[in-house]
PDB file of N, CA and C in Angstrom:
ATOM      1  N   MET A   1     204.022-208.565 -71.650  1.00  0.00           N
ATOM      2  CA  MET A   1     203.401-207.488 -70.926  1.00  0.00           C
ATOM      3  C   MET A   1     201.987-207.860 -70.491  1.00  0.00           C
ATOM      4  N   GLY A   2     201.387-208.821 -71.091  1.00  0.00           N
ATOM      5  CA  GLY A   2     200.030-209.230 -70.758  1.00  0.00           C
ATOM      6  C   GLY A   2     199.918-209.875 -69.398  1.00  0.00           C
ATOM      7  N   PHE A   3     201.067-210.115 -68.783  1.00  0.00           N
ATOM      8  CA  PHE A   3     201.044-210.744 -67.480  1.00  0.00           C
ATOM      9  C   PHE A   3     200.593-209.785 -66.389  1.00  0.00           C
ATOM     10  N   PHE A   4     201.011-208.500 -66.436  1.00  0.00           N
ATOM     11  CA  PHE A   4     200.662-207.510 -65.425  1.00  0.00           C
ATOM     12  C   PHE A   4     199.461-206.658 -65.799  1.00  0.00           C
ATOM     13  N   ILE A   5     199.239-206.420 -67.045  1.00  0.00           N
ATOM     14  CA  ILE A   5     198.154-205.559 -67.518  1.00  0.00           C
ATOM     15  C   ILE A   5     197.285-206.374 -68.454  1.00  0.00           C
ATOM     16  N   ALA A   6     195.961-206.291 -68.215  1.00  0.00           N
ATOM     17  CA  ALA A   6     195.048-207.025 -69.069  1.00  0.00           C
ATOM     18  C   ALA A   6     195.025-206.392 -70.451  1.00  0.00           C
ATOM     19  N   ASP A   7     194.884-207.220 -71.443  1.00  0.00           N
ATOM     20  CA  ASP A   7     194.818-206.718 -72.811  1.00  0.00           C
ATOM     21  C   ASP A   7     193.514-205.956 -73.011  1.00  0.00           C
ATOM     22  N   ALA A   8     193.575-204.846 -73.723  1.00  0.00           N
ATOM     23  CA  ALA A   8     192.390-204.059 -74.050  1.00  0.00           C
ATOM     24  C   ALA A   8     191.745-204.655 -75.281  1.00  0.00           C
ATOM     25  N   LEU A   9     190.488-204.976 -75.148  1.00  0.00           N
ATOM     26  CA  LEU A   9     189.762-205.550 -76.274  1.00  0.00           C
ATOM     27  C   LEU A   9     188.786-204.516 -76.814  1.00  0.00           C
ATOM     28  N   ALA A  10     188.671-204.414 -78.095  1.00  0.00           N
ATOM     29  CA  ALA A  10     187.771-203.452 -78.718  1.00  0.00           C
ATOM     30  C   ALA A  10     186.331-203.967 -78.615  1.00  0.00           C
ATOM     31  N   GLU A  11     185.425-203.046 -78.345  1.00  0.00           N
ATOM     32  CA  GLU A  11     184.005-203.405 -78.288  1.00  0.00           C
ATOM     33  C   GLU A  11     183.376-203.095 -79.628  1.00  0.00           C
ATOM     34  N   ALA A  12     182.218-203.685 -79.834  1.00  0.00           N
ATOM     35  CA  ALA A  12     181.496-203.438 -81.082  1.00  0.00           C
ATOM     36  C   ALA A  12     181.011-201.993 -81.113  1.00  0.00           C
ATOM     37  N   ALA A  13     180.892-201.443 -82.286  1.00  0.00           N
ATOM     38  CA  ALA A  13     180.419-200.074 -82.450  1.00  0.00           C
ATOM     39  C   ALA A  13     178.980-199.976 -81.957  1.00  0.00           C
ATOM     40  N   PRO A  14     178.599-198.829 -81.385  1.00  0.00           N
ATOM     41  CA  PRO A  14     177.226-198.674 -80.900  1.00  0.00           C
ATOM     42  C   PRO A  14     176.232-198.898 -82.034  1.00  0.00           C
ATOM     43  N   GLY A  15     175.210-199.667 -81.741  1.00  0.00           N
ATOM     44  CA  GLY A  15     174.168-199.925 -82.730  1.00  0.00           C
ATOM     45  C   GLY A  15     174.492-201.056 -83.670  1.00  0.00           C
ATOM     46  N   ALA A  16     175.675-201.602 -83.573  1.00  0.00           N
ATOM     47  CA  ALA A  16     176.048-202.672 -84.495  1.00  0.00           C
ATOM     48  C   ALA A  16     175.333-203.966 -84.144  1.00  0.00           C
ATOM     49  N   GLY A  17     175.250-204.306 -82.857  1.00  0.00           N
ATOM     50  CA  GLY A  17     174.601-205.558 -82.492  1.00  0.00           C
ATOM     51  C   GLY A  17     173.461-205.348 -81.509  1.00  0.00           C
ATOM     52  N   ALA A  18     173.570-204.328 -80.650  1.00  0.00           N
ATOM     53  CA  ALA A  18     172.543-204.067 -79.640  1.00  0.00           C
ATOM     54  C   ALA A  18     171.480-203.138 -80.211  1.00  0.00           C
ATOM     55  N   GLN A  19     170.234-203.399 -79.820  1.00  0.00           N
ATOM     56  CA  GLN A  19     169.122-202.569 -80.284  1.00  0.00           C
ATOM     57  C   GLN A  19     168.461-201.904 -79.089  1.00  0.00           C
ATOM     58  N   ASP A  20     167.888-200.746 -79.303  1.00  0.00           N
ATOM     59  CA  ASP A  20     167.122-200.068 -78.249  1.00  0.00           C
ATOM     60  C   ASP A  20     165.858-200.861 -77.979  1.00  0.00           C
ATOM     61  N   PRO A  21     165.407-200.903 -76.724  1.00  0.00           N
ATOM     62  CA  PRO A  21     164.214-201.685 -76.416  1.00  0.00           C
ATOM     63  C   PRO A  21     162.949-201.137 -77.082  1.00  0.00           C
ATOM     64  N   GLY A  22     162.908-199.853 -77.379  1.00  0.00           N
ATOM     65  CA  GLY A  22     161.755-199.278 -78.070  1.00  0.00           C
ATOM     66  C   GLY A  22     160.477-199.392 -77.247  1.00  0.00           C
ATOM     67  N   PHE A  23     159.364-199.686 -77.914  1.00  0.00           N
ATOM     68  CA  PHE A  23     158.059-199.757 -77.271  1.00  0.00           C
ATOM     69  C   PHE A  23     157.982-200.905 -76.269  1.00  0.00           C
ATOM     70  N   VAL A  24     158.650-201.987 -76.543  1.00  0.00           N
ATOM     71  CA  VAL A  24     158.630-203.142 -75.647  1.00  0.00           C
ATOM     72  C   VAL A  24     159.212-202.771 -74.290  1.00  0.00           C
ATOM     73  N   GLY A  25     160.162-201.885 -74.251  1.00  0.00           N
ATOM     74  CA  GLY A  25     160.762-201.441 -73.000  1.00  0.00           C
ATOM     75  C   GLY A  25     159.838-200.560 -72.181  1.00  0.00           C
ATOM     76  N   LEU A  26     158.799-200.020 -72.794  1.00  0.00           N
ATOM     77  CA  LEU A  26     157.844-199.169 -72.082  1.00  0.00           C
ATOM     78  C   LEU A  26     156.663-199.946 -71.510  1.00  0.00           C
ATOM     79  N   ILE A  27     156.498-201.185 -71.892  1.00  0.00           N
ATOM     80  CA  ILE A  27     155.324-201.948 -71.458  1.00  0.00           C
ATOM     81  C   ILE A  27     155.301-202.107 -69.936  1.00  0.00           C
ATOM     82  N   LEU A  28     156.380-202.493 -69.321  1.00  0.00           N
ATOM     83  CA  LEU A  28     156.415-202.696 -67.866  1.00  0.00           C
ATOM     84  C   LEU A  28     156.169-201.392 -67.099  1.00  0.00           C
ATOM     85  N   PRO A  29     156.867-200.291 -67.396  1.00  0.00           N
ATOM     86  CA  PRO A  29     156.572-199.048 -66.649  1.00  0.00           C
ATOM     87  C   PRO A  29     155.132-198.564 -66.839  1.00  0.00           C
ATOM     88  N   LEU A  30     154.613-198.676 -68.058  1.00  0.00           N
ATOM     89  CA  LEU A  30     153.227-198.270 -68.285  1.00  0.00           C
ATOM     90  C   LEU A  30     152.257-199.177 -67.530  1.00  0.00           C
ATOM     91  N   GLY A  31     152.549-200.454 -67.502  1.00  0.00           N
ATOM     92  CA  GLY A  31     151.704-201.390 -66.750  1.00  0.00           C
ATOM     93  C   GLY A  31     151.691-201.071 -65.267  1.00  0.00           C
ATOM     94  N   ILE A  32     152.843-200.710 -64.723  1.00  0.00           N
ATOM     95  CA  ILE A  32     152.921-200.339 -63.310  1.00  0.00           C
ATOM     96  C   ILE A  32     152.125-199.060 -63.043  1.00  0.00           C
ATOM     97  N   MET A  33     152.227-198.092 -63.934  1.00  0.00           N
ATOM     98  CA  MET A  33     151.471-196.851 -63.763  1.00  0.00           C
ATOM     99  C   MET A  33     149.975-197.094 -63.812  1.00  0.00           C
ATOM    100  N   VAL A  34     149.508-197.940 -64.722  1.00  0.00           N
ATOM    101  CA  VAL A  34     148.083-198.264 -64.818  1.00  0.00           C
ATOM    102  C   VAL A  34     147.621-198.987 -63.553  1.00  0.00           C
ATOM    103  N   ALA A  35     148.426-199.911 -63.056  1.00  0.00           N
ATOM    104  CA  ALA A  35     148.068-200.635 -61.829  1.00  0.00           C
ATOM    105  C   ALA A  35     147.963-199.669 -60.651  1.00  0.00           C
ATOM    106  N   PHE A  36     148.903-198.742 -60.502  1.00  0.00           N
ATOM    107  CA  PHE A  36     148.842-197.758 -59.428  1.00  0.00           C
ATOM    108  C   PHE A  36     147.591-196.898 -59.548  1.00  0.00           C
ATOM    109  N   TYR A  37     147.228-196.525 -60.768  1.00  0.00           N
ATOM    110  CA  TYR A  37     146.035-195.707 -60.956  1.00  0.00           C
ATOM    111  C   TYR A  37     144.803-196.446 -60.453  1.00  0.00           C
ATOM    112  N   PHE A  38     144.637-197.706 -60.865  1.00  0.00           N
ATOM    113  CA  PHE A  38     143.449-198.448 -60.477  1.00  0.00           C
ATOM    114  C   PHE A  38     143.460-198.879 -59.018  1.00  0.00           C
ATOM    115  N   LEU A  39     144.631-199.080 -58.440  1.00  0.00           N
ATOM    116  CA  LEU A  39     144.702-199.537 -57.052  1.00  0.00           C
ATOM    117  C   LEU A  39     144.690-198.401 -56.034  1.00  0.00           C
ATOM    118  N   PHE A  40     145.212-197.230 -56.385  1.00  0.00           N
ATOM    119  CA  PHE A  40     145.347-196.165 -55.401  1.00  0.00           C
ATOM    120  C   PHE A  40     144.592-194.888 -55.751  1.00  0.00           C
ATOM    121  N   ILE A  41     144.760-194.375 -56.941  1.00  0.00           N
ATOM    122  CA  ILE A  41     144.216-193.063 -57.289  1.00  0.00           C
ATOM    123  C   ILE A  41     142.700-193.122 -57.470  1.00  0.00           C
ATOM    124  N   LEU A  42     142.196-194.055 -58.240  1.00  0.00           N
ATOM    125  CA  LEU A  42     140.764-194.134 -58.514  1.00  0.00           C
ATOM    126  C   LEU A  42     139.930-194.355 -57.248  1.00  0.00           C
ATOM    127  N   PRO A  43     140.287-195.296 -56.363  1.00  0.00           N
ATOM    128  CA  PRO A  43     139.498-195.444 -55.129  1.00  0.00           C
ATOM    129  C   PRO A  43     139.515-194.189 -54.249  1.00  0.00           C
ATOM    130  N   GLN A  44     140.639-193.471 -54.202  1.00  0.00           N
ATOM    131  CA  GLN A  44     140.706-192.258 -53.399  1.00  0.00           C
ATOM    132  C   GLN A  44     139.807-191.176 -53.979  1.00  0.00           C
ATOM    133  N   GLN A  45     139.741-191.074 -55.305  1.00  0.00           N
ATOM    134  CA  GLN A  45     138.852-190.095 -55.932  1.00  0.00           C
ATOM    135  C   GLN A  45     137.396-190.422 -55.629  1.00  0.00           C
ATOM    136  N   ARG A  46     137.034-191.700 -55.665  1.00  0.00           N
ATOM    137  CA  ARG A  46     135.663-192.106 -55.347  1.00  0.00           C
ATOM    138  C   ARG A  46     135.314-191.766 -53.905  1.00  0.00           C
ATOM    139  N   LYS A  47     136.237-192.045 -52.991  1.00  0.00           N
ATOM    140  CA  LYS A  47     136.000-191.770 -51.578  1.00  0.00           C
ATOM    141  C   LYS A  47     135.820-190.266 -51.345  1.00  0.00           C
ATOM    142  N   THR A  48     136.630-189.461 -52.013  1.00  0.00           N
ATOM    143  CA  THR A  48     136.530-188.007 -51.891  1.00  0.00           C
ATOM    144  C   THR A  48     135.186-187.510 -52.400  1.00  0.00           C
ATOM    145  N   LYS A  49     134.719-188.034 -53.536  1.00  0.00           N
ATOM    146  CA  LYS A  49     133.420-187.635 -54.089  1.00  0.00           C
ATOM    147  C   LYS A  49     132.285-188.008 -53.144  1.00  0.00           C
ATOM    148  N   GLU A  50     132.334-189.216 -52.565  1.00  0.00           N
ATOM    149  CA  GLU A  50     131.290-189.653 -51.637  1.00  0.00           C
ATOM    150  C   GLU A  50     131.266-188.778 -50.386  1.00  0.00           C
ATOM    151  N   HIS A  51     132.443-188.408 -49.868  1.00  0.00           N
ATOM    152  CA  HIS A  51     132.498-187.563 -48.680  1.00  0.00           C
ATOM    153  C   HIS A  51     131.941-186.180 -48.980  1.00  0.00           C
ATOM    154  N   LYS A  52     132.285-185.613 -50.129  1.00  0.00           N
ATOM    155  CA  LYS A  52     131.766-184.303 -50.511  1.00  0.00           C
ATOM    156  C   LYS A  52     130.252-184.341 -50.651  1.00  0.00           C
ATOM    157  N   LYS A  53     129.727-185.407 -51.238  1.00  0.00           N
ATOM    158  CA  LYS A  53     128.282-185.559 -51.398  1.00  0.00           C
ATOM    159  C   LYS A  53     127.600-185.658 -50.034  1.00  0.00           C
ATOM    160  N   MET A  54     128.210-186.400 -49.096  1.00  0.00           N
ATOM    161  CA  MET A  54     127.651-186.543 -47.761  1.00  0.00           C
ATOM    162  C   MET A  54     127.667-185.209 -47.017  1.00  0.00           C
ATOM    163  N   VAL A  55     128.764-184.462 -47.119  1.00  0.00           N
ATOM    164  CA  VAL A  55     128.867-183.166 -46.438  1.00  0.00           C
ATOM    165  C   VAL A  55     127.843-182.191 -47.010  1.00  0.00           C
ATOM    166  N   ASP A  56     127.616-182.231 -48.307  1.00  0.00           N
ATOM    167  CA  ASP A  56     126.628-181.346 -48.924  1.00  0.00           C
ATOM    168  C   ASP A  56     125.199-181.693 -48.510  1.00  0.00           C
ATOM    169  N   SER A  57     124.950-182.945 -48.121  1.00  0.00           N
ATOM    170  CA  SER A  57     123.592-183.364 -47.768  1.00  0.00           C
ATOM    171  C   SER A  57     123.261-183.174 -46.286  1.00  0.00           C
ATOM    172  N   LEU A  58     124.184-182.614 -45.507  1.00  0.00           N
ATOM    173  CA  LEU A  58     123.924-182.410 -44.084  1.00  0.00           C
ATOM    174  C   LEU A  58     122.807-181.405 -43.871  1.00  0.00           C
ATOM    175  N   GLY A  59     122.013-181.626 -42.831  1.00  0.00           N
ATOM    176  CA  GLY A  59     120.933-180.707 -42.498  1.00  0.00           C
ATOM    177  C   GLY A  59     120.708-180.704 -41.002  1.00  0.00           C
ATOM    178  N   LYS A  60     119.852-179.792 -40.537  1.00  0.00           N
ATOM    179  CA  LYS A  60     119.540-179.716 -39.112  1.00  0.00           C
ATOM    180  C   LYS A  60     118.899-181.021 -38.665  1.00  0.00           C
ATOM    181  N   GLY A  61     119.318-181.485 -37.498  1.00  0.00           N
ATOM    182  CA  GLY A  61     118.770-182.724 -36.952  1.00  0.00           C
ATOM    183  C   GLY A  61     119.533-183.972 -37.365  1.00  0.00           C
ATOM    184  N   SER A  62     120.449-183.846 -38.297  1.00  0.00           N
ATOM    185  CA  SER A  62     121.248-185.009 -38.713  1.00  0.00           C
ATOM    186  C   SER A  62     122.177-185.405 -37.575  1.00  0.00           C
ATOM    187  N   GLU A  63     122.360-186.693 -37.405  1.00  0.00           N
ATOM    188  CA  GLU A  63     123.253-187.195 -36.371  1.00  0.00           C
ATOM    189  C   GLU A  63     124.545-187.646 -37.036  1.00  0.00           C
ATOM    190  N   VAL A  64     125.670-187.125 -36.532  1.00  0.00           N
ATOM    191  CA  VAL A  64     126.951-187.323 -37.200  1.00  0.00           C
ATOM    192  C   VAL A  64     128.056-187.691 -36.208  1.00  0.00           C
ATOM    193  N   VAL A  65     129.149-188.203 -36.757  1.00  0.00           N
ATOM    194  CA  VAL A  65     130.393-188.423 -36.020  1.00  0.00           C
ATOM    195  C   VAL A  65     131.459-187.611 -36.727  1.00  0.00           C
ATOM    196  N   THR A  66     132.261-186.876 -35.940  1.00  0.00           N
ATOM    197  CA  THR A  66     133.331-186.081 -36.522  1.00  0.00           C
ATOM    198  C   THR A  66     134.591-186.917 -36.641  1.00  0.00           C
ATOM    199  N   THR A  67     135.589-186.374 -37.336  1.00  0.00           N
ATOM    200  CA  THR A  67     136.861-187.081 -37.470  1.00  0.00           C
ATOM    201  C   THR A  67     137.561-187.212 -36.127  1.00  0.00           C
ATOM    202  N   GLY A  68     137.228-186.361 -35.175  1.00  0.00           N
ATOM    203  CA  GLY A  68     137.795-186.442 -33.835  1.00  0.00           C
ATOM    204  C   GLY A  68     137.065-187.435 -32.949  1.00  0.00           C
ATOM    205  N   GLY A  69     135.956-188.013 -33.449  1.00  0.00           N
ATOM    206  CA  GLY A  69     135.227-189.014 -32.691  1.00  0.00           C
ATOM    207  C   GLY A  69     134.061-188.477 -31.893  1.00  0.00           C
ATOM    208  N   LEU A  70     133.694-187.213 -32.082  1.00  0.00           N
ATOM    209  CA  LEU A  70     132.567-186.644 -31.354  1.00  0.00           C
ATOM    210  C   LEU A  70     131.253-187.061 -32.005  1.00  0.00           C
ATOM    211  N   LEU A  71     130.316-187.512 -31.186  1.00  0.00           N
ATOM    212  CA  LEU A  71     128.985-187.902 -31.656  1.00  0.00           C
ATOM    213  C   LEU A  71     128.023-186.804 -31.267  1.00  0.00           C
ATOM    214  N   GLY A  72     127.256-186.313 -32.217  1.00  0.00           N
ATOM    215  CA  GLY A  72     126.324-185.247 -31.895  1.00  0.00           C
ATOM    216  C   GLY A  72     125.265-185.058 -32.954  1.00  0.00           C
ATOM    217  N   ARG A  73     124.326-184.186 -32.626  1.00  0.00           N
ATOM    218  CA  ARG A  73     123.228-183.836 -33.540  1.00  0.00           C
ATOM    219  C   ARG A  73     123.466-182.413 -34.032  1.00  0.00           C
ATOM    220  N   ILE A  74     123.238-182.183 -35.303  1.00  0.00           N
ATOM    221  CA  ILE A  74     123.440-180.855 -35.887  1.00  0.00           C
ATOM    222  C   ILE A  74     122.305-179.941 -35.434  1.00  0.00           C
ATOM    223  N   VAL A  75     122.690-178.818 -34.797  1.00  0.00           N
ATOM    224  CA  VAL A  75     121.724-177.839 -34.332  1.00  0.00           C
ATOM    225  C   VAL A  75     121.616-176.700 -35.335  1.00  0.00           C
ATOM    226  N   ASP A  76     122.755-176.289 -35.861  1.00  0.00           N
ATOM    227  CA  ASP A  76     122.785-175.175 -36.804  1.00  0.00           C
ATOM    228  C   ASP A  76     123.958-175.405 -37.750  1.00  0.00           C
ATOM    229  N   LEU A  77     123.837-174.914 -38.959  1.00  0.00           N
ATOM    230  CA  LEU A  77     124.938-175.051 -39.914  1.00  0.00           C
ATOM    231  C   LEU A  77     124.923-173.894 -40.885  1.00  0.00           C
ATOM    232  N   ASP A  78     126.101-173.568 -41.369  1.00  0.00           N
ATOM    233  CA  ASP A  78     126.237-172.572 -42.424  1.00  0.00           C
ATOM    234  C   ASP A  78     127.152-173.141 -43.491  1.00  0.00           C
ATOM    235  N   GLU A  79     127.682-172.279 -44.318  1.00  0.00           N
ATOM    236  CA  GLU A  79     128.463-172.743 -45.462  1.00  0.00           C
ATOM    237  C   GLU A  79     129.744-173.476 -45.063  1.00  0.00           C
ATOM    238  N   ASN A  80     130.383-173.044 -43.970  1.00  0.00           N
ATOM    239  CA  ASN A  80     131.673-173.611 -43.584  1.00  0.00           C
ATOM    240  C   ASN A  80     131.667-174.389 -42.275  1.00  0.00           C
ATOM    241  N   PHE A  81     130.746-174.080 -41.368  1.00  0.00           N
ATOM    242  CA  PHE A  81     130.774-174.668 -40.043  1.00  0.00           C
ATOM    243  C   PHE A  81     129.452-175.330 -39.687  1.00  0.00           C
ATOM    244  N   VAL A  82     129.548-176.248 -38.728  1.00  0.00           N
ATOM    245  CA  VAL A  82     128.397-176.972 -38.213  1.00  0.00           C
ATOM    246  C   VAL A  82     128.415-176.831 -36.699  1.00  0.00           C
ATOM    247  N   GLN A  83     127.250-176.568 -36.112  1.00  0.00           N
ATOM    248  CA  GLN A  83     127.157-176.513 -34.658  1.00  0.00           C
ATOM    249  C   GLN A  83     126.525-177.818 -34.190  1.00  0.00           C
ATOM    250  N   LEU A  84     127.275-178.565 -33.377  1.00  0.00           N
ATOM    251  CA  LEU A  84     126.825-179.867 -32.895  1.00  0.00           C
ATOM    252  C   LEU A  84     126.404-179.781 -31.438  1.00  0.00           C
ATOM    253  N   GLU A  85     125.324-180.474 -31.123  1.00  0.00           N
ATOM    254  CA  GLU A  85     124.912-180.630 -29.732  1.00  0.00           C
ATOM    255  C   GLU A  85     125.460-181.972 -29.269  1.00  0.00           C
ATOM    256  N   LEU A  86     126.396-181.939 -28.320  1.00  0.00           N
ATOM    257  CA  LEU A  86     127.012-183.161 -27.826  1.00  0.00           C
ATOM    258  C   LEU A  86     126.252-183.726 -26.638  1.00  0.00           C
ATOM    259  N   ALA A  87     125.712-182.857 -25.814  1.00  0.00           N
ATOM    260  CA  ALA A  87     124.914-183.235 -24.649  1.00  0.00           C
ATOM    261  C   ALA A  87     123.983-182.064 -24.369  1.00  0.00           C
ATOM    262  N   ASP A  88     123.169-182.171 -23.323  1.00  0.00           N
ATOM    263  CA  ASP A  88     122.284-181.060 -22.973  1.00  0.00           C
ATOM    264  C   ASP A  88     123.127-179.837 -22.645  1.00  0.00           C
ATOM    265  N   ASN A  89     122.846-178.745 -23.316  1.00  0.00           N
ATOM    266  CA  ASN A  89     123.526-177.464 -23.126  1.00  0.00           C
ATOM    267  C   ASN A  89     125.033-177.530 -23.416  1.00  0.00           C
ATOM    268  N   VAL A  90     125.470-178.462 -24.226  1.00  0.00           N
ATOM    269  CA  VAL A  90     126.876-178.542 -24.650  1.00  0.00           C
ATOM    270  C   VAL A  90     126.897-178.551 -26.175  1.00  0.00           C
ATOM    271  N   GLN A  91     127.395-177.444 -26.731  1.00  0.00           N
ATOM    272  CA  GLN A  91     127.435-177.329 -28.183  1.00  0.00           C
ATOM    273  C   GLN A  91     128.833-176.911 -28.618  1.00  0.00           C
ATOM    274  N   VAL A  92     129.273-177.450 -29.749  1.00  0.00           N
ATOM    275  CA  VAL A  92     130.584-177.104 -30.300  1.00  0.00           C
ATOM    276  C   VAL A  92     130.432-176.779 -31.779  1.00  0.00           C
ATOM    277  N   HIS A  93     131.358-175.986 -32.264  1.00  0.00           N
ATOM    278  CA  HIS A  93     131.404-175.652 -33.687  1.00  0.00           C
ATOM    279  C   HIS A  93     132.541-176.447 -34.313  1.00  0.00           C
ATOM    280  N   VAL A  94     132.274-177.093 -35.427  1.00  0.00           N
ATOM    281  CA  VAL A  94     133.302-177.813 -36.182  1.00  0.00           C
ATOM    282  C   VAL A  94     133.147-177.467 -37.657  1.00  0.00           C
ATOM    283  N   GLN A  95     134.211-177.645 -38.393  1.00  0.00           N
ATOM    284  CA  GLN A  95     134.131-177.418 -39.838  1.00  0.00           C
ATOM    285  C   GLN A  95     133.303-178.523 -40.474  1.00  0.00           C
ATOM    286  N   ARG A  96     132.650-178.188 -41.566  1.00  0.00           N
ATOM    287  CA  ARG A  96     131.821-179.186 -42.256  1.00  0.00           C
ATOM    288  C   ARG A  96     132.650-180.383 -42.707  1.00  0.00           C
ATOM    289  N   ASN A  97     133.879-180.130 -43.150  1.00  0.00           N
ATOM    290  CA  ASN A  97     134.719-181.226 -43.630  1.00  0.00           C
ATOM    291  C   ASN A  97     135.182-182.146 -42.509  1.00  0.00           C
ATOM    292  N   ALA A  98     135.026-181.720 -41.255  1.00  0.00           N
ATOM    293  CA  ALA A  98     135.420-182.548 -40.121  1.00  0.00           C
ATOM    294  C   ALA A  98     134.372-183.613 -39.809  1.00  0.00           C
ATOM    295  N   VAL A  99     133.231-183.552 -40.460  1.00  0.00           N
ATOM    296  CA  VAL A  99     132.199-184.579 -40.266  1.00  0.00           C
ATOM    297  C   VAL A  99     132.643-185.821 -41.033  1.00  0.00           C
ATOM    298  N   ALA A 100     132.840-186.918 -40.287  1.00  0.00           N
ATOM    299  CA  ALA A 100     133.360-188.142 -40.901  1.00  0.00           C
ATOM    300  C   ALA A 100     132.245-189.003 -41.465  1.00  0.00           C
ATOM    301  N   SER A 101     131.143-189.131 -40.728  1.00  0.00           N
ATOM    302  CA  SER A 101     130.061-189.989 -41.229  1.00  0.00           C
ATOM    303  C   SER A 101     128.721-189.545 -40.687  1.00  0.00           C
ATOM    304  N   LEU A 102     127.713-189.903 -41.414  1.00  0.00           N
ATOM    305  CA  LEU A 102     126.330-189.621 -41.077  1.00  0.00           C
ATOM    306  C   LEU A 102     125.752-190.873 -40.443  1.00  0.00           C
ATOM    307  N   LEU A 103     125.091-190.734 -39.295  1.00  0.00           N
ATOM    308  CA  LEU A 103     124.553-191.879 -38.573  1.00  0.00           C
ATOM    309  C   LEU A 103     123.051-192.025 -38.818  1.00  0.00           C
ATOM    310  N   PRO A 104     122.515-193.222 -38.619  1.00  0.00           N
ATOM    311  CA  PRO A 104     121.062-193.401 -38.742  1.00  0.00           C
ATOM    312  C   PRO A 104     120.336-192.637 -37.639  1.00  0.00           C
ATOM    313  N   LYS A 105     119.129-192.202 -37.922  1.00  0.00           N
ATOM    314  CA  LYS A 105     118.320-191.473 -36.944  1.00  0.00           C
ATOM    315  C   LYS A 105     118.120-192.330 -35.701  1.00  0.00           C
ATOM    316  N   GLY A 106     118.210-191.698 -34.540  1.00  0.00           N
ATOM    317  CA  GLY A 106     117.986-192.391 -33.283  1.00  0.00           C
ATOM    318  C   GLY A 106     119.257-192.836 -32.591  1.00  0.00           C
ATOM    319  N   THR A 107     120.380-192.796 -33.258  1.00  0.00           N
ATOM    320  CA  THR A 107     121.643-193.225 -32.654  1.00  0.00           C
ATOM    321  C   THR A 107     122.029-192.296 -31.509  1.00  0.00           C
ATOM    322  N   TYR A 108     121.874-191.000 -31.725  1.00  0.00           N
ATOM    323  CA  TYR A 108     122.252-190.011 -30.717  1.00  0.00           C
ATOM    324  C   TYR A 108     121.342-190.139 -29.492  1.00  0.00           C
ATOM    325  N   LYS A 109     120.056-190.305 -29.712  1.00  0.00           N
ATOM    326  CA  LYS A 109     119.105-190.413 -28.612  1.00  0.00           C
ATOM    327  C   LYS A 109     119.386-191.672 -27.789  1.00  0.00           C
ATOM    328  N   THR A 110     119.672-192.779 -28.450  1.00  0.00           N
ATOM    329  CA  THR A 110     119.989-194.030 -27.761  1.00  0.00           C
ATOM    330  C   THR A 110     121.254-193.873 -26.939  1.00  0.00           C
ATOM    331  N   ARG A 111     122.235-193.190 -27.483  1.00  0.00           N
ATOM    332  CA  ARG A 111     123.500-192.979 -26.778  1.00  0.00           C
ATOM    333  C   ARG A 111     123.286-192.107 -25.540  1.00  0.00           C
ATOM    334  N   LYS A 112     122.425-191.086 -25.648  1.00  0.00           N
ATOM    335  CA  LYS A 112     122.149-190.215 -24.507  1.00  0.00           C
ATOM    336  C   LYS A 112     121.484-191.013 -23.375  1.00  0.00           C
ATOM    337  N   LYS A 113     120.561-191.917 -23.717  1.00  0.00           N
ATOM    338  CA  LYS A 113     119.891-192.737 -22.711  1.00  0.00           C
ATOM    339  C   LYS A 113     120.893-193.646 -22.000  1.00  0.00           C
ATOM    340  N   ASN A 114     121.823-194.234 -22.758  1.00  0.00           N
ATOM    341  CA  ASN A 114     122.819-195.133 -22.163  1.00  0.00           C
ATOM    342  C   ASN A 114     123.767-194.370 -21.236  1.00  0.00           C
ATOM    343  N   ASP A 115     124.069-193.119 -21.550  1.00  0.00           N
ATOM    344  CA  ASP A 115     124.958-192.319 -20.707  1.00  0.00           C
ATOM    345  C   ASP A 115     124.310-191.950 -19.379  1.00  0.00           C
ATOM    346  N   LYS A 116     122.980-191.759 -19.363  1.00  0.00           N
ATOM    347  CA  LYS A 116     122.281-191.394 -18.140  1.00  0.00           C
ATOM    348  C   LYS A 116     122.176-192.579 -17.183  1.00  0.00           C
ATOM    349  N   SER A 117     122.187-193.795 -17.710  1.00  0.00           N
ATOM    350  CA  SER A 117     122.040-194.991 -16.841  1.00  0.00           C
ATOM    351  C   SER A 117     123.297-195.305 -16.087  1.00  0.00           C
TER     352      SER A 117
END
């Protein structure tokens, strides 16, 4: 009968020869989690803190670039919004969090001169 049907062989009882990986089996997943934390989560938290600090330090006359790419000088600001002067008699309101970066003084004035030429 062994010609058509393979013989059934008994396996060892559970736990007789094989052992659970235990703590050694957790080393690789934990290592991957630690690597992800240091490579992705920690730098993002630092970037978020720096952006919040920059947004809190905004004041009238600061020259900024928004996330949409608008370059302007802050004319007025309140708790949630910033009023930017983009050109003479052109002002827009944007949220404070939409400010992407703070520029050095004089950048806006130099840009206005280049646009007039």
